[in-house]
Amino acid sequence: MSPSDHCIFCKIAAGAIPSCKVYEDDELFAFHDIKPWAPVHFLIIPKVHIPSLAQVGPKHEALLGRMMVLAPQLALAQGCNPYPEGGFRVMANTGAEGGQDVHHLHIHVMGGPRPWLKG
């Protein structure tokens, strides 16, 4: 899907809305959450507009795999303590009942000493 003119995450990935960037390549963009729940809390999004995890299919396998491989690398770089004593959480809210507020596929990566504000 092409970028949506109405999608805040498409605008962030395009640089039209400022963010605290964590990572960027041709396919992915990662940035700090503006309302963090944990000491480390950032999002990884694809630059292509996909509304949610419910819309992915076989053609997205490599993209989703890249997101999941990138998550632990960025978590450590952003200050999460190493496994097994440390760690982080990866979460993808999907749809209204799943708590998704922005309808652009994204994963939250959260970590750091507990307790966290939520979760």
Protein backbone atom coordinates (compact mmCIF):
# COMPACT_ATOMS: atom_id res chain seq x y z
CA MET A 1 0.00 0.00 0.00
CA SER A 2 1.19 3.50 -0.71
CA PRO A 3 1.70 6.12 1.99
CA SER A 4 -1.51 7.64 3.27
CA ASP A 5 -1.85 11.43 3.36
CA HIS A 6 -3.97 11.07 6.51
CA CYS A 7 -1.70 8.68 8.44
CA ILE A 8 0.44 10.24 11.16
CA PHE A 9 2.98 7.39 11.00
CA CYS A 10 3.36 7.80 7.22
CA LYS A 11 4.04 11.49 7.85
CA ILE A 12 6.57 10.67 10.60
CA ALA A 13 8.39 8.17 8.35
CA ALA A 14 8.49 10.76 5.55
CA GLY A 15 9.94 13.40 7.88
CA ALA A 16 6.89 15.67 7.60
CA ILE A 17 6.27 15.37 11.35
CA PRO A 18 9.27 15.48 13.70
CA SER A 19 10.15 12.48 15.84
CA CYS A 20 12.99 11.26 17.99
CA LYS A 21 14.43 8.80 15.46
CA VAL A 22 16.00 5.58 16.67
CA TYR A 23 16.64 3.91 13.30
CA GLU A 24 15.90 4.25 9.60
CA ASP A 25 16.57 2.28 6.43
CA ASP A 26 14.78 1.92 3.09
CA GLU A 27 11.91 -0.16 4.55
CA LEU A 28 11.71 0.58 8.28
CA PHE A 29 11.60 3.54 10.63
CA ALA A 30 11.89 3.44 14.43
CA PHE A 31 11.22 6.30 16.83
CA HIS A 32 10.55 6.97 20.51
CA ASP A 33 6.95 6.79 21.71
CA ILE A 34 5.66 10.24 22.71
CA LYS A 35 3.87 8.77 25.75
CA PRO A 36 6.25 6.04 26.96
CA TRP A 37 5.00 3.29 29.25
CA ALA A 38 8.49 2.08 30.15
CA PRO A 39 12.00 3.54 30.56
CA VAL A 40 12.74 2.30 27.00
CA HIS A 41 9.76 2.59 24.63
CA PHE A 42 10.01 2.98 20.89
CA LEU A 43 8.04 1.94 17.83
CA ILE A 44 9.16 0.16 14.68
CA ILE A 45 7.04 0.82 11.60
CA PRO A 46 7.27 -0.16 7.96
CA LYS A 47 7.53 2.80 5.62
CA VAL A 48 4.87 1.23 3.41
CA HIS A 49 1.36 1.87 4.74
CA ILE A 50 -0.19 -1.33 6.10
CA PRO A 51 -3.17 -0.58 8.37
CA SER A 52 -2.56 -3.39 10.88
CA LEU A 53 -1.27 -6.88 11.49
CA ALA A 54 -4.66 -8.12 10.26
CA GLN A 55 -3.76 -6.98 6.72
CA VAL A 56 -0.40 -8.72 6.37
CA GLY A 57 0.05 -11.71 4.13
CA PRO A 58 2.77 -13.93 2.72
CA LYS A 59 4.28 -11.03 0.76
CA HIS A 60 5.04 -9.29 4.09
CA GLU A 61 6.96 -12.19 5.70
CA ALA A 62 10.41 -10.73 5.05
CA LEU A 63 9.35 -7.28 6.27
CA LEU A 64 7.88 -8.66 9.50
CA GLY A 65 10.96 -10.80 9.99
CA ARG A 66 13.20 -7.75 9.62
CA MET A 67 11.11 -5.88 12.21
CA MET A 68 11.46 -8.74 14.70
CA VAL A 69 15.22 -9.13 14.09
CA LEU A 70 15.72 -5.39 14.49
CA ALA A 71 13.78 -5.19 17.78
CA PRO A 72 16.41 -6.82 20.06
CA GLN A 73 19.28 -4.93 18.42
CA LEU A 74 17.58 -1.58 18.97
CA ALA A 75 16.36 -2.54 22.45
CA LEU A 76 19.95 -3.09 23.60
CA ALA A 77 21.14 0.07 21.85
CA GLN A 78 18.38 2.09 23.56
CA GLY A 79 19.31 0.88 27.04
CA CYS A 80 17.53 -2.41 27.72
CA ASN A 81 19.58 -4.81 29.79
CA PRO A 82 20.69 -8.03 28.08
CA TYR A 83 18.80 -11.32 28.23
CA PRO A 84 18.15 -13.27 30.44
CA GLU A 85 18.22 -10.94 33.46
CA GLY A 86 17.16 -7.93 31.39
CA GLY A 87 14.87 -8.04 28.43
CA PHE A 88 12.08 -6.21 26.68
CA ARG A 89 8.51 -6.64 25.46
CA VAL A 90 7.34 -6.55 21.83
CA MET A 91 3.67 -5.74 21.31
CA ALA A 92 1.51 -5.22 18.22
CA ASN A 93 -1.97 -3.88 18.97
CA THR A 94 -4.42 -4.84 16.22
CA GLY A 95 -7.84 -3.26 15.71
CA ALA A 96 -10.06 -1.37 18.12
CA GLU A 97 -10.54 -4.30 20.50
CA GLY A 98 -6.80 -4.92 20.44
CA GLY A 99 -6.07 -1.35 21.54
CA GLN A 100 -4.74 -0.03 18.21
CA ASP A 101 -4.92 3.78 18.13
CA VAL A 102 -2.95 4.52 14.95
CA HIS A 103 -3.97 2.42 11.97
CA HIS A 104 -0.50 1.86 10.53
CA LEU A 105 1.23 -1.40 11.40
CA HIS A 106 3.68 -0.87 14.24
CA ILE A 107 5.33 -2.77 17.04
CA HIS A 108 6.05 -1.32 20.44
CA VAL A 109 9.39 -2.29 21.98
CA MET A 110 9.43 -1.64 25.74
CA GLY A 111 11.98 -2.43 28.40
CA GLY A 112 13.98 -1.25 31.33
CA PRO A 113 13.65 -1.76 35.07
CA ARG A 114 10.16 -2.50 36.36
CA PRO A 115 7.60 -1.49 37.44
CA TRP A 116 6.45 0.24 34.29
CA LEU A 117 3.62 2.74 34.02
CA LYS A 118 1.45 0.19 32.18
CA GLY A 119 1.59 -3.48 31.32
